[in-house]
Amino acid sequence: MNEVLHANIFFIIASIATVAFAIMVCIAMYYVIKILISIRAILERVEEGSDMIAEDITTVRNFVTKGAFISHLMGLFIKTPKKSRTKRANKKTTVISDSK
């Protein structure tokens, strides 16, 4: 065969391979972008959760540093006797009559 015919066949095959490769790269990039969007949503949830945890830790730190923790623990271990209240029976009588 002629050298020009060989070159034309090579360029046709190379062109088809390049187009197929470009299509596969576009499909792969589409899935990579979808994965990155999902990762971004997950990271936003994690950031919100970490903010809530930081607020809770700050609350606990303030509770401990102000001495409320120790007094609460002492209150758990030292029970104060409560005054017992006797329940009084409230007896009320209701009179129902038919006279007007």
PDB file of N, CA and C in Angstrom:
ATOM      1  N   MET A   1       0.830  -1.183   0.000  1.00  0.00           N
ATOM      2  CA  MET A   1       0.000   0.000   0.000  1.00  0.00           C
ATOM      3  C   MET A   1       0.876   1.248   0.000  1.00  0.00           C
ATOM      4  N   ASN A   2       0.224   2.276  -0.292  1.00  0.00           N
ATOM      5  CA  ASN A   2       0.861   3.563  -0.408  1.00  0.00           C
ATOM      6  C   ASN A   2       1.116   4.153   0.977  1.00  0.00           C
ATOM      7  N   GLU A   3       2.179   4.907   1.119  1.00  0.00           N
ATOM      8  CA  GLU A   3       2.502   5.539   2.410  1.00  0.00           C
ATOM      9  C   GLU A   3       1.446   6.558   2.820  1.00  0.00           C
ATOM     10  N   VAL A   4       0.862   7.248   1.895  1.00  0.00           N
ATOM     11  CA  VAL A   4      -0.175   8.237   2.192  1.00  0.00           C
ATOM     12  C   VAL A   4      -1.411   7.517   2.740  1.00  0.00           C
ATOM     13  N   LEU A   5      -1.728   6.360   2.178  1.00  0.00           N
ATOM     14  CA  LEU A   5      -2.877   5.599   2.671  1.00  0.00           C
ATOM     15  C   LEU A   5      -2.634   5.113   4.095  1.00  0.00           C
ATOM     16  N   HIS A   6      -1.412   4.678   4.374  1.00  0.00           N
ATOM     17  CA  HIS A   6      -1.054   4.275   5.737  1.00  0.00           C
ATOM     18  C   HIS A   6      -1.186   5.453   6.708  1.00  0.00           C
ATOM     19  N   ALA A   7      -0.755   6.616   6.343  1.00  0.00           N
ATOM     20  CA  ALA A   7      -0.828   7.812   7.185  1.00  0.00           C
ATOM     21  C   ALA A   7      -2.279   8.190   7.433  1.00  0.00           C
ATOM     22  N   ASN A   8      -3.108   8.097   6.392  1.00  0.00           N
ATOM     23  CA  ASN A   8      -4.526   8.448   6.546  1.00  0.00           C
ATOM     24  C   ASN A   8      -5.227   7.466   7.500  1.00  0.00           C
ATOM     25  N   ILE A   9      -4.948   6.185   7.381  1.00  0.00           N
ATOM     26  CA  ILE A   9      -5.530   5.193   8.282  1.00  0.00           C
ATOM     27  C   ILE A   9      -5.072   5.450   9.715  1.00  0.00           C
ATOM     28  N   PHE A  10      -3.782   5.752   9.893  1.00  0.00           N
ATOM     29  CA  PHE A  10      -3.262   6.057  11.237  1.00  0.00           C
ATOM     30  C   PHE A  10      -3.971   7.269  11.830  1.00  0.00           C
ATOM     31  N   PHE A  11      -4.129   8.336  11.058  1.00  0.00           N
ATOM     32  CA  PHE A  11      -4.766   9.549  11.573  1.00  0.00           C
ATOM     33  C   PHE A  11      -6.244   9.325  11.874  1.00  0.00           C
ATOM     34  N   ILE A  12      -6.929   8.487  11.110  1.00  0.00           N
ATOM     35  CA  ILE A  12      -8.339   8.188  11.389  1.00  0.00           C
ATOM     36  C   ILE A  12      -8.442   7.421  12.707  1.00  0.00           C
ATOM     37  N   ILE A  13      -7.581   6.408  12.871  1.00  0.00           N
ATOM     38  CA  ILE A  13      -7.608   5.629  14.111  1.00  0.00           C
ATOM     39  C   ILE A  13      -7.212   6.505  15.296  1.00  0.00           C
ATOM     40  N   ALA A  14      -6.213   7.361  15.155  1.00  0.00           N
ATOM     41  CA  ALA A  14      -5.784   8.261  16.232  1.00  0.00           C
ATOM     42  C   ALA A  14      -6.884   9.259  16.580  1.00  0.00           C
ATOM     43  N   SER A  15      -7.592   9.745  15.581  1.00  0.00           N
ATOM     44  CA  SER A  15      -8.686  10.695  15.829  1.00  0.00           C
ATOM     45  C   SER A  15      -9.814  10.022  16.598  1.00  0.00           C
ATOM     46  N   ILE A  16     -10.194   8.803  16.205  1.00  0.00           N
ATOM     47  CA  ILE A  16     -11.251   8.073  16.902  1.00  0.00           C
ATOM     48  C   ILE A  16     -10.828   7.792  18.343  1.00  0.00           C
ATOM     49  N   ALA A  17      -9.574   7.407  18.568  1.00  0.00           N
ATOM     50  CA  ALA A  17      -9.075   7.129  19.912  1.00  0.00           C
ATOM     51  C   ALA A  17      -9.060   8.403  20.758  1.00  0.00           C
ATOM     52  N   THR A  18      -8.691   9.515  20.159  1.00  0.00           N
ATOM     53  CA  THR A  18      -8.657  10.781  20.899  1.00  0.00           C
ATOM     54  C   THR A  18     -10.070  11.198  21.317  1.00  0.00           C
ATOM     55  N   VAL A  19     -11.032  11.061  20.423  1.00  0.00           N
ATOM     56  CA  VAL A  19     -12.414  11.419  20.750  1.00  0.00           C
ATOM     57  C   VAL A  19     -12.946  10.490  21.837  1.00  0.00           C
ATOM     58  N   ALA A  20     -12.673   9.190  21.731  1.00  0.00           N
ATOM     59  CA  ALA A  20     -13.135   8.242  22.748  1.00  0.00           C
ATOM     60  C   ALA A  20     -12.493   8.553  24.107  1.00  0.00           C
ATOM     61  N   PHE A  21     -11.182   8.883  24.078  1.00  0.00           N
ATOM     62  CA  PHE A  21     -10.494   9.234  25.325  1.00  0.00           C
ATOM     63  C   PHE A  21     -11.084  10.498  25.935  1.00  0.00           C
ATOM     64  N   ALA A  22     -11.394  11.496  25.113  1.00  0.00           N
ATOM     65  CA  ALA A  22     -11.979  12.741  25.605  1.00  0.00           C
ATOM     66  C   ALA A  22     -13.351  12.489  26.219  1.00  0.00           C
ATOM     67  N   ILE A  23     -14.149  11.625  25.605  1.00  0.00           N
ATOM     68  CA  ILE A  23     -15.474  11.300  26.153  1.00  0.00           C
ATOM     69  C   ILE A  23     -15.325  10.592  27.495  1.00  0.00           C
ATOM     70  N   MET A  24     -14.381   9.651  27.587  1.00  0.00           N
ATOM     71  CA  MET A  24     -14.164   8.953  28.867  1.00  0.00           C
ATOM     72  C   MET A  24     -13.674   9.912  29.945  1.00  0.00           C
ATOM     73  N   VAL A  25     -12.825  10.867  29.596  1.00  0.00           N
ATOM     74  CA  VAL A  25     -12.350  11.855  30.571  1.00  0.00           C
ATOM     75  C   VAL A  25     -13.512  12.729  31.042  1.00  0.00           C
ATOM     76  N   CYS A  26     -14.401  13.110  30.131  1.00  0.00           N
ATOM     77  CA  CYS A  26     -15.568  13.922  30.519  1.00  0.00           C
ATOM     78  C   CYS A  26     -16.480  13.155  31.476  1.00  0.00           C
ATOM     79  N   ILE A  27     -16.701  11.880  31.197  1.00  0.00           N
ATOM     80  CA  ILE A  27     -17.534  11.065  32.084  1.00  0.00           C
ATOM     81  C   ILE A  27     -16.875  10.933  33.453  1.00  0.00           C
ATOM     82  N   ALA A  28     -15.565  10.696  33.470  1.00  0.00           N
ATOM     83  CA  ALA A  28     -14.843  10.571  34.742  1.00  0.00           C
ATOM     84  C   ALA A  28     -14.898  11.886  35.519  1.00  0.00           C
ATOM     85  N   MET A  29     -14.737  13.015  34.842  1.00  0.00           N
ATOM     86  CA  MET A  29     -14.799  14.313  35.515  1.00  0.00           C
ATOM     87  C   MET A  29     -16.198  14.575  36.077  1.00  0.00           C
ATOM     88  N   TYR A  30     -17.235  14.127  35.380  1.00  0.00           N
ATOM     89  CA  TYR A  30     -18.601  14.279  35.872  1.00  0.00           C
ATOM     90  C   TYR A  30     -18.760  13.560  37.215  1.00  0.00           C
ATOM     91  N   TYR A  31     -18.282  12.332  37.296  1.00  0.00           N
ATOM     92  CA  TYR A  31     -18.393  11.572  38.543  1.00  0.00           C
ATOM     93  C   TYR A  31     -17.499  12.161  39.633  1.00  0.00           C
ATOM     94  N   VAL A  32     -16.334  12.668  39.277  1.00  0.00           N
ATOM     95  CA  VAL A  32     -15.458  13.296  40.270  1.00  0.00           C
ATOM     96  C   VAL A  32     -16.130  14.536  40.854  1.00  0.00           C
ATOM     97  N   ILE A  33     -16.793  15.316  40.008  1.00  0.00           N
ATOM     98  CA  ILE A  33     -17.489  16.520  40.490  1.00  0.00           C
ATOM     99  C   ILE A  33     -18.639  16.135  41.414  1.00  0.00           C
ATOM    100  N   LYS A  34     -19.393  15.081  41.075  1.00  0.00           N
ATOM    101  CA  LYS A  34     -20.475  14.627  41.958  1.00  0.00           C
ATOM    102  C   LYS A  34     -19.916  14.180  43.306  1.00  0.00           C
ATOM    103  N   ILE A  35     -18.789  13.491  43.297  1.00  0.00           N
ATOM    104  CA  ILE A  35     -18.167  13.047  44.551  1.00  0.00           C
ATOM    105  C   ILE A  35     -17.714  14.247  45.371  1.00  0.00           C
ATOM    106  N   LEU A  36     -17.124  15.240  44.728  1.00  0.00           N
ATOM    107  CA  LEU A  36     -16.666  16.433  45.449  1.00  0.00           C
ATOM    108  C   LEU A  36     -17.832  17.209  46.057  1.00  0.00           C
ATOM    109  N   ILE A  37     -18.968  17.256  45.358  1.00  0.00           N
ATOM    110  CA  ILE A  37     -20.144  17.935  45.912  1.00  0.00           C
ATOM    111  C   ILE A  37     -20.638  17.187  47.159  1.00  0.00           C
ATOM    112  N   SER A  38     -20.639  15.865  47.101  1.00  0.00           N
ATOM    113  CA  SER A  38     -21.050  15.066  48.266  1.00  0.00           C
ATOM    114  C   SER A  38     -20.084  15.274  49.431  1.00  0.00           C
ATOM    115  N   ILE A  39     -18.808  15.317  49.149  1.00  0.00           N
ATOM    116  CA  ILE A  39     -17.809  15.542  50.203  1.00  0.00           C
ATOM    117  C   ILE A  39     -17.999  16.916  50.823  1.00  0.00           C
ATOM    118  N   ARG A  40     -18.319  17.909  50.009  1.00  0.00           N
ATOM    119  CA  ARG A  40     -18.549  19.255  50.541  1.00  0.00           C
ATOM    120  C   ARG A  40     -19.740  19.270  51.497  1.00  0.00           C
ATOM    121  N   ALA A  41     -20.823  18.560  51.130  1.00  0.00           N
ATOM    122  CA  ALA A  41     -22.002  18.498  52.005  1.00  0.00           C
ATOM    123  C   ALA A  41     -21.658  17.795  53.317  1.00  0.00           C
ATOM    124  N   ILE A  42     -20.874  16.723  53.237  1.00  0.00           N
ATOM    125  CA  ILE A  42     -20.468  16.010  54.451  1.00  0.00           C
ATOM    126  C   ILE A  42     -19.606  16.902  55.330  1.00  0.00           C
ATOM    127  N   LEU A  43     -18.684  17.639  54.729  1.00  0.00           N
ATOM    128  CA  LEU A  43     -17.817  18.527  55.511  1.00  0.00           C
ATOM    129  C   LEU A  43     -18.618  19.638  56.190  1.00  0.00           C
ATOM    130  N   GLU A  44     -19.656  20.147  55.528  1.00  0.00           N
ATOM    131  CA  GLU A  44     -20.490  21.171  56.160  1.00  0.00           C
ATOM    132  C   GLU A  44     -21.198  20.607  57.383  1.00  0.00           C
ATOM    133  N   ARG A  45     -21.681  19.365  57.281  1.00  0.00           N
ATOM    134  CA  ARG A  45     -22.319  18.733  58.443  1.00  0.00           C
ATOM    135  C   ARG A  45     -21.314  18.539  59.572  1.00  0.00           C
ATOM    136  N   VAL A  46     -20.113  18.132  59.229  1.00  0.00           N
ATOM    137  CA  VAL A  46     -19.089  17.922  60.254  1.00  0.00           C
ATOM    138  C   VAL A  46     -18.732  19.249  60.922  1.00  0.00           C
ATOM    139  N   GLU A  47     -18.638  20.318  60.146  1.00  0.00           N
ATOM    140  CA  GLU A  47     -18.334  21.628  60.722  1.00  0.00           C
ATOM    141  C   GLU A  47     -19.436  22.089  61.674  1.00  0.00           C
ATOM    142  N   GLU A  48     -20.695  21.877  61.295  1.00  0.00           N
ATOM    143  CA  GLU A  48     -21.808  22.245  62.179  1.00  0.00           C
ATOM    144  C   GLU A  48     -21.762  21.434  63.464  1.00  0.00           C
ATOM    145  N   GLY A  49     -21.470  20.147  63.336  1.00  0.00           N
ATOM    146  CA  GLY A  49     -21.362  19.295  64.520  1.00  0.00           C
ATOM    147  C   GLY A  49     -20.211  19.697  65.411  1.00  0.00           C
ATOM    148  N   SER A  50     -19.087  20.056  64.805  1.00  0.00           N
ATOM    149  CA  SER A  50     -17.942  20.458  65.622  1.00  0.00           C
ATOM    150  C   SER A  50     -18.211  21.784  66.321  1.00  0.00           C
ATOM    151  N   ASP A  51     -18.971  22.672  65.682  1.00  0.00           N
ATOM    152  CA  ASP A  51     -19.353  23.923  66.351  1.00  0.00           C
ATOM    153  C   ASP A  51     -20.233  23.637  67.558  1.00  0.00           C
ATOM    154  N   MET A  52     -21.164  22.702  67.412  1.00  0.00           N
ATOM    155  CA  MET A  52     -22.030  22.352  68.537  1.00  0.00           C
ATOM    156  C   MET A  52     -21.220  21.718  69.667  1.00  0.00           C
ATOM    157  N   ILE A  53     -20.268  20.865  69.310  1.00  0.00           N
ATOM    158  CA  ILE A  53     -19.423  20.234  70.331  1.00  0.00           C
ATOM    159  C   ILE A  53     -18.583  21.285  71.040  1.00  0.00           C
ATOM    160  N   ALA A  54     -18.067  22.255  70.294  1.00  0.00           N
ATOM    161  CA  ALA A  54     -17.266  23.325  70.910  1.00  0.00           C
ATOM    162  C   ALA A  54     -18.116  24.135  71.886  1.00  0.00           C
ATOM    163  N   GLU A  55     -19.364  24.415  71.533  1.00  0.00           N
ATOM    164  CA  GLU A  55     -20.250  25.150  72.446  1.00  0.00           C
ATOM    165  C   GLU A  55     -20.529  24.333  73.701  1.00  0.00           C
ATOM    166  N   ASP A  56     -20.758  23.026  73.533  1.00  0.00           N
ATOM    167  CA  ASP A  56     -21.007  22.163  74.688  1.00  0.00           C
ATOM    168  C   ASP A  56     -19.791  22.099  75.598  1.00  0.00           C
ATOM    169  N   ILE A  57     -18.617  22.020  75.025  1.00  0.00           N
ATOM    170  CA  ILE A  57     -17.393  21.973  75.830  1.00  0.00           C
ATOM    171  C   ILE A  57     -17.204  23.285  76.579  1.00  0.00           C
ATOM    172  N   THR A  58     -17.518  24.398  75.927  1.00  0.00           N
ATOM    173  CA  THR A  58     -17.425  25.694  76.602  1.00  0.00           C
ATOM    174  C   THR A  58     -18.398  25.756  77.771  1.00  0.00           C
ATOM    175  N   THR A  59     -19.600  25.243  77.577  1.00  0.00           N
ATOM    176  CA  THR A  59     -20.586  25.225  78.654  1.00  0.00           C
ATOM    177  C   THR A  59     -20.103  24.370  79.823  1.00  0.00           C
ATOM    178  N   VAL A  60     -19.564  23.205  79.527  1.00  0.00           N
ATOM    179  CA  VAL A  60     -19.056  22.324  80.588  1.00  0.00           C
ATOM    180  C   VAL A  60     -17.876  22.976  81.287  1.00  0.00           C
ATOM    181  N   ARG A  61     -16.990  23.611  80.536  1.00  0.00           N
ATOM    182  CA  ARG A  61     -15.832  24.287  81.142  1.00  0.00           C
ATOM    183  C   ARG A  61     -16.294  25.386  82.090  1.00  0.00           C
ATOM    184  N   ASN A  62     -17.279  26.179  81.668  1.00  0.00           N
ATOM    185  CA  ASN A  62     -17.796  27.234  82.547  1.00  0.00           C
ATOM    186  C   ASN A  62     -18.464  26.634  83.785  1.00  0.00           C
ATOM    187  N   PHE A  63     -19.147  25.516  83.614  1.00  0.00           N
ATOM    188  CA  PHE A  63     -19.808  24.847  84.734  1.00  0.00           C
ATOM    189  C   PHE A  63     -18.781  24.377  85.758  1.00  0.00           C
ATOM    190  N   VAL A  64     -17.667  23.840  85.264  1.00  0.00           N
ATOM    191  CA  VAL A  64     -16.633  23.324  86.169  1.00  0.00           C
ATOM    192  C   VAL A  64     -15.854  24.462  86.810  1.00  0.00           C
ATOM    193  N   THR A  65     -15.482  25.478  86.040  1.00  0.00           N
ATOM    194  CA  THR A  65     -14.643  26.549  86.583  1.00  0.00           C
ATOM    195  C   THR A  65     -15.381  27.446  87.570  1.00  0.00           C
ATOM    196  N   LYS A  66     -16.675  27.556  87.448  1.00  0.00           N
ATOM    197  CA  LYS A  66     -17.422  28.414  88.372  1.00  0.00           C
ATOM    198  C   LYS A  66     -17.774  27.701  89.675  1.00  0.00           C
ATOM    199  N   GLY A  67     -17.401  26.450  89.805  1.00  0.00           N
ATOM    200  CA  GLY A  67     -17.614  25.735  91.056  1.00  0.00           C
ATOM    201  C   GLY A  67     -18.954  25.058  91.153  1.00  0.00           C
ATOM    202  N   ALA A  68     -19.766  25.174  90.148  1.00  0.00           N
ATOM    203  CA  ALA A  68     -21.083  24.556  90.205  1.00  0.00           C
ATOM    204  C   ALA A  68     -20.970  23.037  90.134  1.00  0.00           C
ATOM    205  N   PHE A  69     -19.935  22.544  89.501  1.00  0.00           N
ATOM    206  CA  PHE A  69     -19.748  21.098  89.371  1.00  0.00           C
ATOM    207  C   PHE A  69     -19.490  20.462  90.726  1.00  0.00           C
ATOM    208  N   ILE A  70     -18.637  21.084  91.505  1.00  0.00           N
ATOM    209  CA  ILE A  70     -18.297  20.539  92.826  1.00  0.00           C
ATOM    210  C   ILE A  70     -19.517  20.582  93.742  1.00  0.00           C
ATOM    211  N   SER A  71     -20.245  21.682  93.717  1.00  0.00           N
ATOM    212  CA  SER A  71     -21.429  21.761  94.582  1.00  0.00           C
ATOM    213  C   SER A  71     -22.495  20.766  94.122  1.00  0.00           C
ATOM    214  N   HIS A  72     -22.574  20.527  92.848  1.00  0.00           N
ATOM    215  CA  HIS A  72     -23.524  19.540  92.348  1.00  0.00           C
ATOM    216  C   HIS A  72     -23.124  18.134  92.804  1.00  0.00           C
ATOM    217  N   LEU A  73     -21.832  17.818  92.741  1.00  0.00           N
ATOM    218  CA  LEU A  73     -21.363  16.514  93.214  1.00  0.00           C
ATOM    219  C   LEU A  73     -21.602  16.348  94.711  1.00  0.00           C
ATOM    220  N   MET A  74     -21.329  17.396  95.459  1.00  0.00           N
ATOM    221  CA  MET A  74     -21.558  17.321  96.898  1.00  0.00           C
ATOM    222  C   MET A  74     -23.041  17.141  97.182  1.00  0.00           C
ATOM    223  N   GLY A  75     -23.882  17.758  96.397  1.00  0.00           N
ATOM    224  CA  GLY A  75     -25.321  17.604  96.575  1.00  0.00           C
ATOM    225  C   GLY A  75     -25.786  16.189  96.287  1.00  0.00           C
ATOM    226  N   LEU A  76     -25.084  15.510  95.404  1.00  0.00           N
ATOM    227  CA  LEU A  76     -25.448  14.129  95.111  1.00  0.00           C
ATOM    228  C   LEU A  76     -25.071  13.198  96.252  1.00  0.00           C
ATOM    229  N   PHE A  77     -23.928  13.454  96.874  1.00  0.00           N
ATOM    230  CA  PHE A  77     -23.442  12.562  97.923  1.00  0.00           C
ATOM    231  C   PHE A  77     -24.003  12.896  99.297  1.00  0.00           C
ATOM    232  N   ILE A  78     -24.280  14.135  99.526  1.00  0.00           N
ATOM    233  CA  ILE A  78     -24.804  14.558 100.828  1.00  0.00           C
ATOM    234  C   ILE A  78     -26.289  14.853 100.639  1.00  0.00           C
ATOM    235  N   LYS A  79     -27.081  13.964 101.133  1.00  0.00           N
ATOM    236  CA  LYS A  79     -28.526  14.135 101.016  1.00  0.00           C
ATOM    237  C   LYS A  79     -29.030  14.921 102.218  1.00  0.00           C
ATOM    238  N   THR A  80     -29.808  15.920 101.956  1.00  0.00           N
ATOM    239  CA  THR A  80     -30.411  16.677 103.047  1.00  0.00           C
ATOM    240  C   THR A  80     -31.752  16.049 103.362  1.00  0.00           C
ATOM    241  N   PRO A  81     -32.019  15.865 104.648  1.00  0.00           N
ATOM    242  CA  PRO A  81     -33.308  15.251 104.990  1.00  0.00           C
ATOM    243  C   PRO A  81     -34.447  16.217 104.668  1.00  0.00           C
ATOM    244  N   LYS A  82     -35.450  15.693 104.053  1.00  0.00           N
ATOM    245  CA  LYS A  82     -36.603  16.519 103.703  1.00  0.00           C
ATOM    246  C   LYS A  82     -37.659  16.373 104.786  1.00  0.00           C
ATOM    247  N   LYS A  83     -38.350  17.426 105.033  1.00  0.00           N
ATOM    248  CA  LYS A  83     -39.432  17.388 106.012  1.00  0.00           C
ATOM    249  C   LYS A  83     -40.584  16.622 105.405  1.00  0.00           C
ATOM    250  N   SER A  84     -41.062  15.702 106.200  1.00  0.00           N
ATOM    251  CA  SER A  84     -42.180  14.917 105.685  1.00  0.00           C
ATOM    252  C   SER A  84     -43.470  15.697 105.906  1.00  0.00           C
ATOM    253  N   ARG A  85     -44.223  15.740 104.905  1.00  0.00           N
ATOM    254  CA  ARG A  85     -45.503  16.438 104.981  1.00  0.00           C
ATOM    255  C   ARG A  85     -46.600  15.397 105.018  1.00  0.00           C
ATOM    256  N   THR A  86     -47.489  15.607 105.925  1.00  0.00           N
ATOM    257  CA  THR A  86     -48.626  14.686 105.985  1.00  0.00           C
ATOM    258  C   THR A  86     -49.715  15.235 105.091  1.00  0.00           C
ATOM    259  N   LYS A  87     -50.271  14.360 104.363  1.00  0.00           N
ATOM    260  CA  LYS A  87     -51.350  14.780 103.479  1.00  0.00           C
ATOM    261  C   LYS A  87     -52.635  14.840 104.289  1.00  0.00           C
ATOM    262  N   ARG A  88     -53.254  15.928 104.186  1.00  0.00           N
ATOM    263  CA  ARG A  88     -54.530  16.101 104.873  1.00  0.00           C
ATOM    264  C   ARG A  88     -55.644  15.759 103.904  1.00  0.00           C
ATOM    265  N   ALA A  89     -56.524  15.011 104.402  1.00  0.00           N
ATOM    266  CA  ALA A  89     -57.666  14.642 103.569  1.00  0.00           C
ATOM    267  C   ALA A  89     -58.660  15.785 103.586  1.00  0.00           C
ATOM    268  N   ASN A  90     -58.841  16.362 102.472  1.00  0.00           N
ATOM    269  CA  ASN A  90     -59.830  17.439 102.355  1.00  0.00           C
ATOM    270  C   ASN A  90     -61.171  16.817 102.042  1.00  0.00           C
ATOM    271  N   LYS A  91     -61.995  16.812 103.050  1.00  0.00           N
ATOM    272  CA  LYS A  91     -63.315  16.231 102.874  1.00  0.00           C
ATOM    273  C   LYS A  91     -64.314  17.363 102.729  1.00  0.00           C
ATOM    274  N   LYS A  92     -64.790  17.470 101.556  1.00  0.00           N
ATOM    275  CA  LYS A  92     -65.816  18.475 101.301  1.00  0.00           C
ATOM    276  C   LYS A  92     -67.091  17.722 100.964  1.00  0.00           C
ATOM    277  N   THR A  93     -68.125  18.208 101.528  1.00  0.00           N
ATOM    278  CA  THR A  93     -69.413  17.575 101.241  1.00  0.00           C
ATOM    279  C   THR A  93     -70.188  18.466 100.296  1.00  0.00           C
ATOM    280  N   THR A  94     -70.758  17.842  99.330  1.00  0.00           N
ATOM    281  CA  THR A  94     -71.548  18.573  98.355  1.00  0.00           C
ATOM    282  C   THR A  94     -73.005  18.163  98.542  1.00  0.00           C
ATOM    283  N   VAL A  95     -73.813  19.145  98.718  1.00  0.00           N
ATOM    284  CA  VAL A  95     -75.246  18.901  98.931  1.00  0.00           C
ATOM    285  C   VAL A  95     -75.975  19.254  97.652  1.00  0.00           C
ATOM    286  N   ILE A  96     -76.677  18.277  97.174  1.00  0.00           N
ATOM    287  CA  ILE A  96     -77.457  18.487  95.955  1.00  0.00           C
ATOM    288  C   ILE A  96     -78.933  18.362  96.330  1.00  0.00           C
ATOM    289  N   SER A  97     -79.654  19.358  96.005  1.00  0.00           N
ATOM    290  CA  SER A  97     -81.089  19.321  96.304  1.00  0.00           C
ATOM    291  C   SER A  97     -81.882  19.635  95.058  1.00  0.00           C
ATOM    292  N   ASP A  98     -83.102  19.110  95.023  1.00  0.00           N
ATOM    293  CA  ASP A  98     -83.959  19.324  93.867  1.00  0.00           C
ATOM    294  C   ASP A  98     -84.825  20.569  94.033  1.00  0.00           C
ATOM    295  N   SER A  99     -84.829  21.148  95.167  1.00  0.00           N
ATOM    296  CA  SER A  99     -85.683  22.315  95.373  1.00  0.00           C
ATOM    297  C   SER A  99     -85.032  23.546  94.757  1.00  0.00           C
ATOM    298  N   LYS A 100     -85.910  24.386  94.207  1.00  0.00           N
ATOM    299  CA  LYS A 100     -85.410  25.586  93.537  1.00  0.00           C
ATOM    300  C   LYS A 100     -85.469  26.778  94.420  1.00  0.00           C
TER     301      LYS A 100
END
